[in-house]
Amino acid sequence: MENKQVTQEVLLEEIERIREIMIYTALKEGLVSDNTVKVSQVLDRKLNELEEIY
């Protein structure tokens, strides 16, 4: 159980960091820029990982 908690905390921190990068990229380059879409896809994968833990 302890290990699950640590993994969950790490994922939540990563998700927050990636979300901030995505927002910054979207504001700088636009919502449909290649970079924004790529960061969004990384965020989606991390959110899916988090979903699997629950």
Protein backbone atom coordinates (compact mmCIF):
# COMPACT_ATOMS: atom_id res chain seq x y z
CA MET A 1 0.00 0.00 0.00
CA GLU A 2 2.86 2.37 0.85
CA ASN A 3 4.41 1.86 -2.60
CA LYS A 4 1.10 2.62 -4.30
CA GLN A 5 0.87 5.88 -2.36
CA VAL A 6 4.39 6.95 -3.38
CA THR A 7 3.68 6.12 -7.03
CA GLN A 8 0.42 8.04 -6.90
CA GLU A 9 2.12 11.10 -5.38
CA VAL A 10 4.88 11.03 -7.98
CA LEU A 11 2.33 10.73 -10.80
CA LEU A 12 0.27 13.61 -9.42
CA GLU A 13 3.37 15.80 -9.30
CA GLU A 14 4.30 14.83 -12.87
CA ILE A 15 0.75 15.49 -14.06
CA GLU A 16 0.75 18.94 -12.49
CA ARG A 17 4.14 19.80 -14.05
CA ILE A 18 3.06 18.55 -17.49
CA ARG A 19 -0.24 20.44 -17.20
CA GLU A 20 1.66 23.66 -16.50
CA ILE A 21 3.92 23.03 -19.50
CA MET A 22 0.88 22.40 -21.69
CA ILE A 23 -0.78 25.64 -20.59
CA TYR A 24 2.42 27.62 -21.18
CA THR A 25 2.91 26.02 -24.61
CA ALA A 26 -0.73 26.63 -25.59
CA LEU A 27 -0.52 30.29 -24.59
CA LYS A 28 2.77 30.73 -26.45
CA GLU A 29 2.10 28.66 -29.58
CA GLY A 30 -1.67 28.17 -29.73
CA LEU A 31 -4.00 25.33 -28.79
CA VAL A 32 -3.47 23.34 -31.99
CA SER A 33 0.30 23.70 -32.34
CA ASP A 34 2.24 20.46 -32.74
CA ASN A 35 4.04 21.02 -29.45
CA THR A 36 0.82 21.68 -27.52
CA VAL A 37 -0.73 18.51 -28.95
CA LYS A 38 2.37 16.46 -28.07
CA VAL A 39 2.39 17.72 -24.48
CA SER A 40 -1.35 17.02 -24.27
CA GLN A 41 -0.75 13.44 -25.40
CA VAL A 42 1.93 12.97 -22.73
CA LEU A 43 -0.52 14.35 -20.16
CA ASP A 44 -3.20 11.93 -21.35
CA ARG A 45 -0.83 8.98 -20.91
CA LYS A 46 0.04 10.09 -17.37
CA LEU A 47 -3.64 10.50 -16.51
CA ASN A 48 -4.29 6.99 -17.85
CA GLU A 49 -1.47 5.67 -15.64
CA LEU A 50 -3.06 7.35 -12.65
CA GLU A 51 -6.45 5.87 -13.56
CA GLU A 52 -4.93 2.37 -13.57
CA ILE A 53 -3.69 2.82 -10.00
CA TYR A 54 -7.18 3.59 -8.64
